[in-house]
Amino acid sequence: MSPMSDTPARIAEVQRNTKETQIRVRVNLDGSGQARLATGIGFFDHMLDQIARHGLIDLDIEAKGDLHIDGHHTVEDVGITLGMAVAQAVGDKRGLTRYGHSYVPLDEALSRVVIDFSGRPGLAMDVKFTSGSIGAFDTQLAFEFFQGFVNHALVSLHVDNLKGHNAHHQCETIFKAFGRALRMAMTLDPRSAGVIPSTKGTL
């Protein structure tokens, strides 16, 4: 059971297969931040680990993709599949806090992430990476990951890197802040148990 004792456990598993990738994602939104990750892109696994640890989400991701071409399809499709799993685990959003935000620093870098489980996909991302790659990770793919996620989690997401000179630090603060914003937004509020957090009555 999730923290609100009368609410079913918020766990989902999604498998998505295409000619380019085979992705399996399992999430427990009420976990402790444990992660098992195998995407074939080391730095990307490191970023996904930040989401799990700082979002207190148990995250199990297996991905096989066409890395002989590049990492684009793998990173984008992990974002899509993770979004699908989160949407499934969240359910009808009754009792959900709905909104979440976080500022995260790392040395000279500072990033802000704000999320709304609105039921409407939207991404506004303002990040000027100082390097085109971090290890084997193309920094342009950070956008593709978040775009895939928002389109299938049906959230509005704002991602801003406010300061930073080191691309590794820029990227890490983004993913840490994303994890913490998710954690806030997905927390169940006992004061609004059973209530959908919208005056429309649906999200």
Protein backbone atom coordinates (compact mmCIF):
# COMPACT_ATOMS: atom_id res chain seq x y z
CA MET A 1 0.00 0.00 0.00
CA SER A 2 1.08 3.60 -0.53
CA PRO A 3 1.51 6.07 2.37
CA MET A 4 -2.27 6.70 2.44
CA SER A 5 -3.35 3.30 3.77
CA ASP A 6 -6.56 3.00 1.74
CA THR A 7 -4.77 3.72 -1.55
CA PRO A 8 -3.41 0.85 -3.68
CA ALA A 9 0.34 0.66 -4.21
CA ARG A 10 1.44 3.00 -6.97
CA ILE A 11 3.46 0.56 -9.04
CA ALA A 12 3.52 0.10 -12.80
CA GLU A 13 5.50 -1.84 -15.37
CA VAL A 14 5.54 -0.97 -19.06
CA GLN A 15 7.30 -2.65 -21.95
CA ARG A 16 7.67 -0.84 -25.26
CA ASN A 17 9.23 -2.47 -28.31
CA THR A 18 10.00 -0.91 -31.68
CA LYS A 19 12.38 -1.76 -34.51
CA GLU A 20 14.86 0.63 -32.89
CA THR A 21 14.57 -0.13 -29.17
CA GLN A 22 13.25 -2.59 -26.63
CA ILE A 23 12.51 -0.86 -23.31
CA ARG A 24 11.15 -2.17 -20.02
CA VAL A 25 10.43 0.20 -17.14
CA ARG A 26 9.09 -0.62 -13.68
CA VAL A 27 8.35 2.14 -11.16
CA ASN A 28 7.25 2.26 -7.56
CA LEU A 29 6.32 5.85 -6.79
CA ASP A 30 6.35 5.16 -3.04
CA GLY A 31 9.78 3.55 -2.99
CA SER A 32 13.05 4.43 -1.31
CA GLY A 33 15.14 5.50 -4.29
CA GLN A 34 16.50 2.12 -5.35
CA ALA A 35 17.52 1.79 -8.99
CA ARG A 36 18.54 -0.96 -11.39
CA LEU A 37 19.55 0.63 -14.67
CA ALA A 38 20.94 -0.75 -17.91
CA THR A 39 20.57 1.53 -20.93
CA GLY A 40 24.02 1.01 -22.43
CA ILE A 41 24.87 4.70 -21.92
CA GLY A 42 26.79 5.12 -18.67
CA PHE A 43 26.17 8.81 -18.09
CA PHE A 44 22.47 8.40 -18.86
CA ASP A 45 22.24 5.63 -16.25
CA HIS A 46 23.90 8.06 -13.80
CA MET A 47 21.21 10.68 -14.55
CA LEU A 48 18.36 8.17 -14.19
CA ASP A 49 19.84 7.19 -10.84
CA GLN A 50 19.49 10.83 -9.75
CA ILE A 51 15.76 10.72 -10.56
CA ALA A 52 15.32 7.58 -8.48
CA ARG A 53 17.41 8.73 -5.53
CA HIS A 54 16.09 12.25 -5.25
CA GLY A 55 12.52 11.36 -6.24
CA LEU A 56 12.43 8.38 -3.82
CA ILE A 57 11.17 6.32 -6.74
CA ASP A 58 12.20 2.69 -7.11
CA LEU A 59 13.20 2.50 -10.75
CA ASP A 60 14.06 -0.55 -12.85
CA ILE A 61 14.98 0.17 -16.47
CA GLU A 62 16.30 -2.19 -19.12
CA ALA A 63 16.95 -0.79 -22.57
CA LYS A 64 18.38 -2.30 -25.72
CA GLY A 65 18.73 0.16 -28.54
CA ASP A 66 20.53 0.92 -31.77
CA LEU A 67 23.56 2.40 -30.06
CA HIS A 68 25.68 1.50 -33.08
CA ILE A 69 23.95 4.49 -34.69
CA ASP A 70 23.80 6.82 -31.68
CA GLY A 71 21.94 7.22 -28.39
CA HIS A 72 19.00 9.24 -29.70
CA HIS A 73 16.38 6.50 -29.98
CA THR A 74 17.39 4.86 -26.70
CA VAL A 75 17.26 8.06 -24.63
CA GLU A 76 14.03 9.31 -26.21
CA ASP A 77 12.30 5.94 -25.88
CA VAL A 78 13.32 5.56 -22.24
CA GLY A 79 11.71 8.96 -21.63
CA ILE A 80 8.55 7.82 -23.42
CA THR A 81 8.33 4.53 -21.53
CA LEU A 82 9.08 6.14 -18.17
CA GLY A 83 6.32 8.68 -18.85
CA MET A 84 3.89 5.88 -19.65
CA ALA A 85 4.79 4.03 -16.44
CA VAL A 86 4.45 7.14 -14.26
CA ALA A 87 1.06 7.97 -15.78
CA GLN A 88 -0.14 4.44 -15.13
CA ALA A 89 1.15 4.42 -11.54
CA VAL A 90 -0.31 7.84 -10.70
CA GLY A 91 -3.76 6.75 -11.86
CA ASP A 92 -6.64 9.21 -11.60
CA LYS A 93 -4.56 11.59 -9.43
CA ARG A 94 -6.95 11.62 -6.48
CA GLY A 95 -5.19 13.06 -3.44
CA LEU A 96 -2.16 14.08 -5.48
CA THR A 97 -0.27 17.23 -4.54
CA ARG A 98 -0.12 17.81 -8.33
CA TYR A 99 2.49 20.61 -8.41
CA GLY A 100 6.17 20.27 -7.60
CA HIS A 101 9.27 22.42 -7.86
CA SER A 102 12.91 22.29 -6.91
CA TYR A 103 16.09 24.31 -7.10
CA VAL A 104 19.29 22.23 -7.02
CA PRO A 105 22.88 23.53 -6.95
CA LEU A 106 26.09 21.67 -7.70
CA ASP A 107 29.18 23.79 -7.24
CA GLU A 108 28.83 26.63 -9.80
CA ALA A 109 25.69 25.21 -11.45
CA LEU A 110 22.10 25.90 -10.42
CA SER A 111 18.93 24.54 -12.00
CA ARG A 112 15.19 24.89 -11.44
CA VAL A 113 12.49 22.40 -12.39
CA VAL A 114 8.73 22.94 -12.01
CA ILE A 115 6.12 20.29 -12.84
CA ASP A 116 2.33 20.13 -13.01
CA PHE A 117 0.42 16.85 -13.40
CA SER A 118 -2.11 18.78 -15.46
CA GLY A 119 -3.11 16.09 -17.95
CA ARG A 120 -1.74 18.33 -20.71
CA PRO A 121 1.74 17.70 -22.13
CA GLY A 122 4.05 20.67 -22.41
CA LEU A 123 7.79 21.25 -22.14
CA ALA A 124 9.59 24.57 -21.74
CA MET A 125 13.32 23.91 -21.44
CA ASP A 126 15.99 26.60 -21.36
CA VAL A 127 19.38 24.96 -21.01
CA LYS A 128 22.51 26.10 -22.82
CA PHE A 129 24.96 23.26 -22.31
CA THR A 130 28.60 24.31 -22.44
CA SER A 131 29.59 21.05 -24.13
CA GLY A 132 28.02 18.92 -26.85
CA SER A 133 28.69 15.67 -25.03
CA ILE A 134 29.33 14.25 -21.58
CA GLY A 135 31.05 10.91 -21.97
CA ALA A 136 28.96 9.02 -24.53
CA PHE A 137 25.89 11.16 -23.80
CA ASP A 138 24.92 13.80 -26.39
CA THR A 139 23.64 16.73 -24.34
CA GLN A 140 20.96 17.48 -26.96
CA LEU A 141 19.30 14.24 -25.86
CA ALA A 142 18.36 15.69 -22.47
CA PHE A 143 15.63 17.61 -24.30
CA GLU A 144 14.51 14.47 -26.15
CA PHE A 145 14.26 12.55 -22.88
CA PHE A 146 12.10 15.18 -21.21
CA GLN A 147 9.96 15.67 -24.33
CA GLY A 148 9.26 11.96 -24.47
CA PHE A 149 8.43 11.93 -20.78
CA VAL A 150 5.99 14.86 -20.80
CA ASN A 151 4.17 13.62 -23.90
CA HIS A 152 3.31 10.34 -22.19
CA ALA A 153 3.13 11.30 -18.51
CA LEU A 154 0.83 14.17 -19.59
CA VAL A 155 2.56 16.79 -17.47
CA SER A 156 3.60 20.39 -17.93
CA LEU A 157 7.34 20.68 -17.25
CA HIS A 158 9.63 23.71 -17.00
CA VAL A 159 13.37 23.03 -16.92
CA ASP A 160 15.83 25.91 -16.53
CA ASN A 161 19.56 25.90 -15.95
CA LEU A 162 20.10 29.24 -14.26
CA LYS A 163 23.90 29.07 -13.90
CA GLY A 164 26.68 26.72 -14.85
CA HIS A 165 29.96 26.36 -16.69
CA ASN A 166 30.54 22.61 -16.42
CA ALA A 167 28.17 20.55 -18.60
CA HIS A 168 28.24 17.59 -16.22
CA HIS A 169 27.16 19.86 -13.37
CA GLN A 170 24.48 21.50 -15.52
CA CYS A 171 22.98 18.16 -16.49
CA GLU A 172 23.19 16.65 -13.02
CA THR A 173 21.42 19.60 -11.39
CA ILE A 174 18.63 19.31 -13.98
CA PHE A 175 18.01 15.62 -13.31
CA LYS A 176 18.29 15.98 -9.53
CA ALA A 177 15.84 18.88 -9.55
CA PHE A 178 13.51 16.87 -11.79
CA GLY A 179 13.55 14.00 -9.30
CA ARG A 180 12.81 16.26 -6.36
CA ALA A 181 10.04 18.12 -8.21
CA LEU A 182 8.47 14.78 -9.14
CA ARG A 183 8.64 13.68 -5.52
CA MET A 184 6.81 16.79 -4.36
CA ALA A 185 4.13 16.64 -7.07
CA MET A 186 3.44 12.92 -6.64
CA THR A 187 3.16 13.06 -2.84
CA LEU A 188 -0.30 12.15 -1.61
CA ASP A 189 -1.86 14.88 0.54
CA PRO A 190 -3.94 13.35 3.37
CA ARG A 191 -5.97 16.57 3.61
CA SER A 192 -7.28 16.02 0.08
CA ALA A 193 -7.59 12.25 0.12
CA GLY A 194 -9.90 11.06 -2.65
CA VAL A 195 -10.10 14.53 -4.19
CA ILE A 196 -8.86 15.31 -7.70
CA PRO A 197 -6.71 18.47 -7.39
CA SER A 198 -8.58 20.58 -9.93
CA THR A 199 -11.70 22.75 -9.89
CA LYS A 200 -12.66 21.00 -13.14
CA GLY A 201 -13.02 17.72 -11.26
CA THR A 202 -10.76 15.88 -13.68
CA LEU A 203 -7.13 15.94 -14.85
